[in-house]
């Protein structure tokens, strides 16, 4: 799941490189705002044919997002 999130983040933002993203990276530090995070989650939902809980949209780090989407 982490790899999919990182790949999707890099695809959505040309300013982010894979090497810059760690599990503890915050979306804010990576330049992702709330709209970017929403787009990221929706893209992953569509790719995996899943539906994320509302709490997922309040995650702050890559690790938190992985944990929410694995639930």
C-alpha atoms as a PDB file:
ATOM      1  CA  UNK A   1       0.000   0.000   0.000  1.00  0.00           C
ATOM      2  CA  UNK A   2       2.834   2.383   0.878  1.00  0.00           C
ATOM      3  CA  UNK A   3       4.343   1.994  -2.579  1.00  0.00           C
ATOM      4  CA  UNK A   4       1.015   2.767  -4.259  1.00  0.00           C
ATOM      5  CA  UNK A   5       0.605   5.896  -2.138  1.00  0.00           C
ATOM      6  CA  UNK A   6       4.110   7.100  -2.957  1.00  0.00           C
ATOM      7  CA  UNK A   7       3.707   6.402  -6.685  1.00  0.00           C
ATOM      8  CA  UNK A   8       0.377   8.221  -6.720  1.00  0.00           C
ATOM      9  CA  UNK A   9       1.805  11.202  -4.835  1.00  0.00           C
ATOM     10  CA  UNK A  10       4.640  11.517  -7.353  1.00  0.00           C
ATOM     11  CA  UNK A  11       2.209  11.267 -10.245  1.00  0.00           C
ATOM     12  CA  UNK A  12      -0.072  13.942  -8.786  1.00  0.00           C
ATOM     13  CA  UNK A  13       2.761  16.340  -7.934  1.00  0.00           C
ATOM     14  CA  UNK A  14       5.707  16.745 -10.248  1.00  0.00           C
ATOM     15  CA  UNK A  15       7.544  18.578  -7.429  1.00  0.00           C
ATOM     16  CA  UNK A  16       7.854  15.450  -5.277  1.00  0.00           C
ATOM     17  CA  UNK A  17      10.546  12.811  -5.775  1.00  0.00           C
ATOM     18  CA  UNK A  18      10.265   9.270  -4.416  1.00  0.00           C
ATOM     19  CA  UNK A  19      13.458   9.768  -2.411  1.00  0.00           C
ATOM     20  CA  UNK A  20      11.839  12.654  -0.486  1.00  0.00           C
ATOM     21  CA  UNK A  21       8.973  10.554   0.849  1.00  0.00           C
ATOM     22  CA  UNK A  22       9.371   8.521   4.027  1.00  0.00           C
ATOM     23  CA  UNK A  23       6.693   6.801   6.105  1.00  0.00           C
ATOM     24  CA  UNK A  24       6.921   9.666   8.622  1.00  0.00           C
ATOM     25  CA  UNK A  25       6.655  12.386   5.967  1.00  0.00           C
ATOM     26  CA  UNK A  26       3.807  14.769   6.598  1.00  0.00           C
ATOM     27  CA  UNK A  27       1.667  15.777   3.675  1.00  0.00           C
ATOM     28  CA  UNK A  28       2.120  19.412   4.669  1.00  0.00           C
ATOM     29  CA  UNK A  29       5.927  19.123   4.543  1.00  0.00           C
ATOM     30  CA  UNK A  30       5.617  17.563   1.078  1.00  0.00           C
ATOM     31  CA  UNK A  31       3.491  20.468  -0.142  1.00  0.00           C
ATOM     32  CA  UNK A  32       0.168  18.606  -0.147  1.00  0.00           C
ATOM     33  CA  UNK A  33      -2.803  20.660   0.997  1.00  0.00           C
ATOM     34  CA  UNK A  34      -6.254  19.308   1.904  1.00  0.00           C
ATOM     35  CA  UNK A  35      -7.403  19.318  -1.715  1.00  0.00           C
ATOM     36  CA  UNK A  36      -4.284  17.430  -2.821  1.00  0.00           C
ATOM     37  CA  UNK A  37      -4.806  14.855  -0.053  1.00  0.00           C
ATOM     38  CA  UNK A  38      -8.435  14.414  -1.074  1.00  0.00           C
ATOM     39  CA  UNK A  39      -7.383  13.878  -4.688  1.00  0.00           C
ATOM     40  CA  UNK A  40      -4.743  11.364  -3.572  1.00  0.00           C
ATOM     41  CA  UNK A  41      -7.235   9.366  -1.507  1.00  0.00           C
ATOM     42  CA  UNK A  42      -9.884   9.421  -4.215  1.00  0.00           C
ATOM     43  CA  UNK A  43      -7.355   8.236  -6.792  1.00  0.00           C
ATOM     44  CA  UNK A  44      -6.315   5.331  -4.555  1.00  0.00           C
ATOM     45  CA  UNK A  45      -9.965   4.475  -3.867  1.00  0.00           C
ATOM     46  CA  UNK A  46     -10.627   4.331  -7.606  1.00  0.00           C
ATOM     47  CA  UNK A  47      -7.521   2.259  -8.339  1.00  0.00           C
ATOM     48  CA  UNK A  48      -8.242  -0.280  -5.608  1.00  0.00           C
ATOM     49  CA  UNK A  49     -12.024  -0.152  -5.840  1.00  0.00           C
ATOM     50  CA  UNK A  50     -12.308   0.597  -2.127  1.00  0.00           C
ATOM     51  CA  UNK A  51     -14.097   3.189  -0.043  1.00  0.00           C
ATOM     52  CA  UNK A  52     -12.093   5.055   2.589  1.00  0.00           C
ATOM     53  CA  UNK A  53     -13.537   6.076   5.946  1.00  0.00           C
ATOM     54  CA  UNK A  54     -14.012   9.768   6.629  1.00  0.00           C
ATOM     55  CA  UNK A  55     -11.123   9.649   9.131  1.00  0.00           C
ATOM     56  CA  UNK A  56      -8.797   8.906   6.234  1.00  0.00           C
ATOM     57  CA  UNK A  57      -9.193  12.474   5.001  1.00  0.00           C
ATOM     58  CA  UNK A  58      -7.724  13.772   8.279  1.00  0.00           C
ATOM     59  CA  UNK A  59      -4.459  11.831   8.139  1.00  0.00           C
ATOM     60  CA  UNK A  60      -1.276  13.845   8.476  1.00  0.00           C
ATOM     61  CA  UNK A  61       1.492  11.431   7.419  1.00  0.00           C
ATOM     62  CA  UNK A  62       2.126   8.690   4.892  1.00  0.00           C
ATOM     63  CA  UNK A  63       2.127   6.099   7.718  1.00  0.00           C
ATOM     64  CA  UNK A  64      -1.261   7.290   8.976  1.00  0.00           C
ATOM     65  CA  UNK A  65      -2.711   7.041   5.479  1.00  0.00           C
ATOM     66  CA  UNK A  66      -1.337   3.517   5.019  1.00  0.00           C
ATOM     67  CA  UNK A  67      -2.856   2.464   8.362  1.00  0.00           C
ATOM     68  CA  UNK A  68      -6.253   3.969   7.514  1.00  0.00           C
ATOM     69  CA  UNK A  69      -6.409   2.391   4.077  1.00  0.00           C
ATOM     70  CA  UNK A  70      -5.358  -1.008   5.437  1.00  0.00           C
ATOM     71  CA  UNK A  71      -8.340  -1.057   7.813  1.00  0.00           C
END
